[in-house]
Amino acid sequence: MAKLKIRFIDFIYGITIIVIDLFVFILLGVLLMGYDDNYDSSEGEYWSFASMNTSEKIIYICYNSWIILNITGLAYICWKIYVRTKKNAT
């Protein structure tokens, strides 16, 4: 069985992607805190679009899109690892 080669630059790219991903999550989370602080129950149900202004809607959609992008990226990485290990096993 051949060993997988992991280059140093690939390791640095991976760490950089993780740091940027965490930064985006933290940024979107902090921006969503504004919704929690300014929520008014007379405007609608909690986390409904009726109770959000336009910027909060955009942030909410970006946050959920970012989660979907992360799930897709994780599935792609898992698939690439599977293909590499299967190829190296034969």
Protein backbone atom coordinates (compact mmCIF):
# COMPACT_ATOMS: atom_id res chain seq x y z
CA MET A 1 0.00 0.00 0.00
CA ALA A 2 1.45 3.34 -1.02
CA LYS A 3 1.56 6.20 1.44
CA LEU A 4 -0.37 9.37 0.75
CA LYS A 5 1.92 12.30 0.17
CA ILE A 6 0.88 15.53 1.87
CA ARG A 7 2.95 18.48 0.83
CA PHE A 8 3.65 21.31 3.25
CA ILE A 9 1.99 23.86 0.97
CA ASP A 10 -1.20 21.74 0.88
CA PHE A 11 -1.18 21.76 4.67
CA ILE A 12 -0.81 25.56 4.73
CA TYR A 13 -3.66 25.93 2.20
CA GLY A 14 -5.89 23.73 4.33
CA ILE A 15 -5.19 25.70 7.50
CA THR A 16 -5.78 28.98 5.64
CA ILE A 17 -9.13 27.77 4.31
CA ILE A 18 -10.20 26.68 7.81
CA VAL A 19 -9.20 30.05 9.31
CA ILE A 20 -11.05 32.00 6.61
CA ASP A 21 -14.10 29.76 7.06
CA LEU A 22 -14.14 30.34 10.81
CA PHE A 23 -13.70 34.07 10.29
CA VAL A 24 -16.74 34.19 7.99
CA PHE A 25 -18.82 32.19 10.49
CA ILE A 26 -17.79 34.50 13.33
CA LEU A 27 -18.51 37.59 11.24
CA LEU A 28 -21.96 36.38 10.20
CA GLY A 29 -22.70 35.30 13.76
CA VAL A 30 -21.80 38.71 15.13
CA LEU A 31 -23.92 40.39 12.48
CA LEU A 32 -26.86 38.12 13.38
CA MET A 33 -26.56 39.25 17.00
CA GLY A 34 -28.08 42.54 15.92
CA TYR A 35 -31.29 40.68 15.15
CA ASP A 36 -31.35 39.17 18.65
CA ASP A 37 -30.75 42.55 20.24
CA ASN A 38 -33.43 44.37 18.26
CA TYR A 39 -36.10 41.66 18.02
CA ASP A 40 -39.62 42.96 18.58
CA SER A 41 -42.32 40.33 19.12
CA SER A 42 -45.00 42.64 17.73
CA GLU A 43 -43.38 42.42 14.26
CA GLY A 44 -43.71 38.65 13.93
CA GLU A 45 -42.52 35.28 15.11
CA TYR A 46 -38.88 34.87 16.19
CA TRP A 47 -36.58 34.14 13.18
CA SER A 48 -39.39 34.76 10.68
CA PHE A 49 -38.71 37.00 7.69
CA ALA A 50 -41.55 39.24 8.79
CA SER A 51 -39.63 40.22 11.92
CA MET A 52 -36.39 41.00 10.02
CA ASN A 53 -35.33 44.09 8.16
CA THR A 54 -33.61 43.84 4.78
CA SER A 55 -30.03 43.67 6.06
CA GLU A 56 -30.93 40.96 8.58
CA LYS A 57 -32.60 38.95 5.81
CA ILE A 58 -29.47 39.23 3.67
CA ILE A 59 -27.23 38.17 6.57
CA TYR A 60 -29.54 35.26 7.41
CA ILE A 61 -29.55 34.04 3.80
CA CYS A 62 -25.76 34.41 3.57
CA TYR A 63 -25.32 32.46 6.81
CA ASN A 64 -27.47 29.58 5.58
CA SER A 65 -25.79 29.66 2.16
CA TRP A 66 -22.41 29.49 3.86
CA ILE A 67 -23.52 26.41 5.80
CA ILE A 68 -24.66 24.74 2.56
CA LEU A 69 -21.35 25.66 0.91
CA ASN A 70 -19.45 24.13 3.84
CA ILE A 71 -21.46 20.91 3.67
CA THR A 72 -20.82 20.70 -0.08
CA GLY A 73 -17.11 21.37 0.42
CA LEU A 74 -16.86 18.76 3.16
CA ALA A 75 -18.61 16.19 0.96
CA TYR A 76 -16.17 16.99 -1.86
CA ILE A 77 -13.15 16.61 0.43
CA CYS A 78 -14.49 13.30 1.77
CA TRP A 79 -15.05 12.09 -1.79
CA LYS A 80 -11.50 13.04 -2.82
CA ILE A 81 -10.06 11.24 0.22
CA TYR A 82 -12.15 8.16 -0.58
CA VAL A 83 -11.02 8.12 -4.20
CA ARG A 84 -7.35 8.56 -3.25
CA THR A 85 -7.40 5.85 -0.61
CA LYS A 86 -9.27 3.47 -2.93
CA LYS A 87 -6.80 4.17 -5.73
CA ASN A 88 -3.81 3.66 -3.44
CA ALA A 89 -5.25 0.45 -1.99
CA THR A 90 -5.34 -1.27 -5.38
